[in-house]
N, C-alpha and C. Protein backbone atom coordinates (compact mmCIF):
# COMPACT_ATOMS: atom_id res chain seq x y z
N UNK A 1 84.33 53.52 -84.40
CA UNK A 1 83.37 54.56 -84.63
C UNK A 1 82.28 54.44 -83.46
N UNK A 2 82.36 55.74 -82.73
CA UNK A 2 81.40 55.72 -81.83
C UNK A 2 80.03 55.71 -82.23
N UNK A 3 78.74 55.49 -81.49
CA UNK A 3 77.37 55.65 -81.44
C UNK A 3 77.11 57.16 -81.58
N UNK A 4 76.08 57.50 -82.21
CA UNK A 4 75.80 59.01 -82.19
C UNK A 4 76.40 59.94 -82.98
N UNK A 5 77.36 59.56 -83.55
CA UNK A 5 77.94 60.48 -84.36
C UNK A 5 77.45 60.73 -85.70
N UNK A 6 77.18 61.72 -86.48
CA UNK A 6 76.42 62.14 -87.57
C UNK A 6 77.11 63.14 -88.25
N UNK A 7 76.70 62.74 -89.72
CA UNK A 7 77.41 63.12 -90.89
C UNK A 7 76.33 64.29 -91.54
N UNK A 8 76.70 65.39 -91.74
CA UNK A 8 75.75 66.74 -92.08
C UNK A 8 75.48 66.48 -93.43
N UNK A 9 74.51 66.35 -94.04
CA UNK A 9 74.39 66.36 -95.17
C UNK A 9 73.95 67.78 -95.97
N UNK A 10 73.75 68.64 -95.26
CA UNK A 10 73.43 70.03 -95.73
C UNK A 10 71.90 70.36 -95.29
N UNK A 11 71.60 71.53 -95.21
CA UNK A 11 70.29 71.88 -94.95
C UNK A 11 69.55 71.32 -94.01
N UNK A 12 70.54 71.05 -92.69
CA UNK A 12 69.81 70.74 -91.50
C UNK A 12 69.71 69.09 -91.54
N UNK A 13 70.17 68.24 -92.66
CA UNK A 13 70.06 67.07 -92.64
C UNK A 13 71.16 66.26 -92.38
N UNK A 14 70.93 65.33 -91.67
CA UNK A 14 72.28 64.56 -90.87
C UNK A 14 71.93 62.99 -91.12
N UNK A 15 72.94 61.90 -91.19
CA UNK A 15 72.77 60.48 -91.28
C UNK A 15 73.77 60.11 -90.28
N UNK A 16 73.45 58.73 -89.81
CA UNK A 16 74.17 58.25 -88.57
C UNK A 16 75.44 57.82 -89.51
N UNK A 17 76.78 58.18 -88.86
CA UNK A 17 78.00 58.05 -89.85
C UNK A 17 78.32 56.57 -89.71
N UNK A 18 77.75 55.87 -88.57
CA UNK A 18 78.04 54.49 -88.59
C UNK A 18 77.27 53.51 -89.76
N UNK A 19 76.21 54.13 -90.32
CA UNK A 19 75.10 53.51 -91.40
C UNK A 19 75.95 53.82 -92.74
N UNK A 20 76.93 54.67 -92.62
CA UNK A 20 77.23 55.18 -94.25
C UNK A 20 78.20 54.05 -94.69
N UNK A 21 78.02 53.74 -96.01
CA UNK A 21 78.68 52.59 -96.71
C UNK A 21 79.72 53.38 -97.64
N UNK A 22 79.14 54.42 -98.44
CA UNK A 22 79.82 54.72 -99.40
C UNK A 22 79.27 56.33 -99.80
N UNK A 23 80.08 57.12 -100.13
CA UNK A 23 79.68 58.53 -100.45
C UNK A 23 80.25 58.59 -102.24
N UNK A 24 79.10 58.82 -103.06
CA UNK A 24 79.72 58.45 -104.54
C UNK A 24 79.17 59.79 -105.26
N UNK A 25 80.00 60.08 -106.22
CA UNK A 25 79.38 61.27 -107.16
C UNK A 25 78.01 60.55 -108.24
N UNK A 26 77.21 61.33 -108.39
CA UNK A 26 75.92 60.81 -109.25
C UNK A 26 76.22 60.71 -110.89
N UNK A 27 77.47 61.11 -111.25
CA UNK A 27 77.90 61.43 -112.78
C UNK A 27 77.66 60.19 -113.50
N UNK A 28 77.90 59.10 -113.17
CA UNK A 28 78.01 57.69 -114.09
C UNK A 28 76.62 57.29 -114.12
N UNK A 29 76.35 56.47 -115.22
CA UNK A 29 75.09 56.19 -115.43
C UNK A 29 74.64 54.62 -114.81
N UNK A 30 75.78 54.23 -114.11
CA UNK A 30 75.28 52.81 -113.19
C UNK A 30 74.76 53.62 -112.12
N UNK A 31 75.12 54.85 -111.48
CA UNK A 31 74.97 55.18 -110.58
C UNK A 31 73.33 55.90 -110.44
N UNK A 32 73.28 56.24 -111.80
CA UNK A 32 72.02 57.26 -112.17
C UNK A 32 70.82 56.12 -112.00
N UNK A 33 71.19 54.99 -112.84
CA UNK A 33 70.10 53.51 -112.50
C UNK A 33 69.98 53.07 -111.14
N UNK A 34 70.99 53.19 -110.25
CA UNK A 34 70.73 52.97 -109.19
C UNK A 34 69.87 53.69 -108.48
N UNK A 35 70.23 55.11 -108.45
CA UNK A 35 69.14 56.21 -107.80
C UNK A 35 67.59 55.90 -108.48
N UNK A 36 67.33 55.73 -109.75
CA UNK A 36 66.24 55.47 -110.30
C UNK A 36 65.61 54.32 -109.61
N UNK A 37 66.25 53.17 -109.53
CA UNK A 37 66.07 52.06 -109.12
C UNK A 37 65.53 52.34 -107.66
N UNK A 38 66.31 52.80 -106.76
CA UNK A 38 65.99 53.18 -105.56
C UNK A 38 64.62 54.23 -105.33
N UNK A 39 64.48 54.85 -106.14
CA UNK A 39 63.37 55.64 -106.23
C UNK A 39 61.98 54.87 -106.41
N UNK A 40 62.16 53.94 -107.53
CA UNK A 40 60.97 52.93 -107.62
C UNK A 40 60.79 52.09 -106.51
N UNK A 41 61.91 51.74 -105.76
CA UNK A 41 61.79 50.83 -104.72
C UNK A 41 61.29 51.44 -103.25
N UNK A 42 61.13 52.58 -103.28
CA UNK A 42 60.62 53.61 -102.14
C UNK A 42 61.95 53.59 -100.91
N UNK A 43 63.33 53.46 -101.28
CA UNK A 43 64.32 53.44 -100.55
C UNK A 43 65.31 54.75 -100.78
N UNK A 44 64.83 55.68 -101.54
CA UNK A 44 65.56 56.97 -101.87
C UNK A 44 65.11 58.10 -101.19
N UNK A 45 65.86 58.83 -100.27
CA UNK A 45 65.73 60.02 -99.47
C UNK A 45 66.66 61.27 -100.56
N UNK A 46 65.75 62.22 -100.62
CA UNK A 46 66.44 63.47 -101.30
C UNK A 46 66.25 64.38 -100.15
N UNK A 47 67.86 64.35 -99.81
CA UNK A 47 67.98 65.73 -98.87
C UNK A 47 68.47 66.69 -99.53
N UNK A 48 68.55 66.89 -101.06
CA UNK A 48 69.09 68.21 -101.77
C UNK A 48 68.21 69.14 -101.75
N UNK A 49 66.90 69.10 -101.13
CA UNK A 49 66.10 70.58 -101.09
C UNK A 49 66.01 71.18 -102.41
N UNK A 50 65.92 70.25 -103.44
CA UNK A 50 65.61 70.61 -104.89
C UNK A 50 66.59 71.13 -105.82
N UNK A 51 68.03 70.98 -104.83
CA UNK A 51 69.11 71.62 -105.70
C UNK A 51 69.74 70.59 -106.64
N UNK A 52 70.63 70.95 -107.26
CA UNK A 52 71.18 69.58 -108.00
C UNK A 52 72.17 68.71 -107.46
N UNK A 53 71.58 67.41 -107.46
CA UNK A 53 72.61 66.38 -106.77
C UNK A 53 73.98 66.09 -107.23
N UNK A 54 74.69 66.37 -105.99
CA UNK A 54 76.18 66.31 -106.27
C UNK A 54 76.73 65.04 -105.81
N UNK A 55 76.00 64.29 -104.86
CA UNK A 55 76.70 63.25 -103.85
C UNK A 55 75.47 62.39 -103.78
N UNK A 56 75.72 60.94 -103.76
CA UNK A 56 74.79 59.95 -103.24
C UNK A 56 75.66 59.27 -102.33
N UNK A 57 74.61 58.91 -101.18
CA UNK A 57 75.29 58.23 -99.92
C UNK A 57 74.39 57.09 -99.81
N UNK A 58 75.35 55.87 -99.71
CA UNK A 58 74.75 54.50 -99.65
C UNK A 58 74.81 54.30 -98.42
N UNK A 59 73.85 53.70 -97.86
CA UNK A 59 73.52 53.17 -96.30
C UNK A 59 73.70 51.59 -96.42
N UNK A 60 73.99 51.09 -95.02
CA UNK A 60 74.06 49.78 -95.04
C UNK A 60 72.44 49.00 -94.79
N UNK A 61 71.86 49.92 -94.52
CA UNK A 61 70.39 49.56 -94.51
C UNK A 61 69.66 49.52 -96.14
N UNK A 62 70.50 49.82 -97.07
CA UNK A 62 70.12 49.94 -98.15
C UNK A 62 69.24 51.09 -98.72
N UNK A 63 69.32 51.91 -97.61
CA UNK A 63 68.85 53.33 -98.24
C UNK A 63 69.76 54.08 -99.01
N UNK A 64 69.20 54.91 -100.03
CA UNK A 64 70.18 55.62 -100.60
C UNK A 64 69.84 57.10 -100.77
N UNK A 65 70.70 58.21 -100.28
CA UNK A 65 70.59 59.41 -99.84
C UNK A 65 71.14 60.26 -100.92
N UNK A 66 70.38 61.32 -101.23
CA UNK A 66 71.04 62.17 -102.30
C UNK A 66 71.07 63.60 -101.34
N UNK A 67 72.45 64.27 -101.88
CA UNK A 67 72.74 65.45 -101.21
C UNK A 67 73.16 66.26 -102.36
N UNK A 68 73.11 67.81 -101.89
CA UNK A 68 73.38 68.88 -102.66
C UNK A 68 75.07 68.93 -102.52
N UNK A 69 75.49 68.44 -101.45
CA UNK A 69 77.03 68.91 -101.46
C UNK A 69 78.01 67.98 -102.30
N UNK A 70 79.06 68.17 -102.38
CA UNK A 70 80.14 67.42 -103.16
C UNK A 70 80.49 66.05 -102.14
N UNK A 71 80.72 65.10 -103.09
CA UNK A 71 81.51 63.87 -102.30
C UNK A 71 82.56 64.42 -101.49
N UNK A 72 83.31 65.05 -101.91
CA UNK A 72 84.72 65.54 -101.32
C UNK A 72 84.37 66.25 -99.86
N UNK A 73 83.37 67.22 -99.92
CA UNK A 73 82.91 67.91 -98.84
C UNK A 73 82.16 66.93 -97.74
N UNK A 74 81.53 66.28 -98.47
CA UNK A 74 80.93 64.97 -97.37
C UNK A 74 81.91 64.29 -96.54
N UNK A 75 82.88 63.68 -97.43
CA UNK A 75 84.05 63.09 -97.00
C UNK A 75 84.72 63.66 -96.00
N UNK A 76 85.11 65.12 -96.11
CA UNK A 76 85.84 65.80 -95.17
C UNK A 76 85.19 65.95 -93.86
N UNK A 77 83.78 66.09 -94.09
CA UNK A 77 82.99 66.19 -92.77
C UNK A 77 83.00 64.97 -91.84
N UNK A 78 83.12 63.80 -92.63
CA UNK A 78 83.10 62.38 -92.27
C UNK A 78 84.50 62.43 -91.26
N UNK A 79 85.62 62.42 -92.00
CA UNK A 79 86.80 62.58 -91.58
C UNK A 79 86.93 63.31 -90.34
N UNK A 80 86.42 64.55 -90.43
CA UNK A 80 86.69 65.49 -89.33
C UNK A 80 85.94 65.15 -88.08
N UNK A 81 84.81 64.40 -88.37
CA UNK A 81 83.78 63.66 -87.29
C UNK A 81 84.61 62.48 -86.65
N UNK A 82 85.26 61.89 -87.29
CA UNK A 82 86.26 60.63 -86.67
C UNK A 82 87.21 61.19 -86.13
N UNK A 83 88.02 62.23 -86.59
CA UNK A 83 89.19 62.65 -86.03
C UNK A 83 88.89 63.48 -84.65
N UNK A 84 87.99 64.27 -84.76
CA UNK A 84 87.60 65.13 -83.44
C UNK A 84 86.56 64.87 -82.86
N UNK A 85 85.82 63.86 -83.11
CA UNK A 85 84.67 63.63 -82.51
C UNK A 85 83.46 64.40 -82.41
N UNK A 86 83.57 65.31 -83.47
CA UNK A 86 82.51 66.57 -83.90
C UNK A 86 82.41 67.45 -82.74
N UNK A 87 83.49 67.67 -82.15
CA UNK A 87 83.23 68.79 -81.31
C UNK A 87 83.76 70.11 -81.61
N UNK A 88 82.74 71.04 -81.86
CA UNK A 88 82.98 72.27 -82.17
C UNK A 88 83.26 72.41 -83.64
N UNK A 89 82.78 71.50 -84.53
CA UNK A 89 83.15 71.75 -86.04
C UNK A 89 82.02 71.57 -86.53
N UNK A 90 81.93 72.17 -87.74
CA UNK A 90 81.04 72.52 -88.73
C UNK A 90 81.02 72.10 -90.30
């Protein structure tokens, strides 16, 4: 993975693709607990703009990011970024 590539989380928010460890669904109780603990510890970033959280992005720095986009959408964007280098893709 090259430096500088980003993953669009929607609403103008991006995260460095090289820092993403996992993209998961927020539907299970363990994930909801993890999000709550991240909020309490100050490492939660809410990039959902008040919309329903549909994906939780885990970073290697311990940050937890909430997105309103589906995990499949984010994964597709990550794959496209890797395959095409992000040239001309949205």
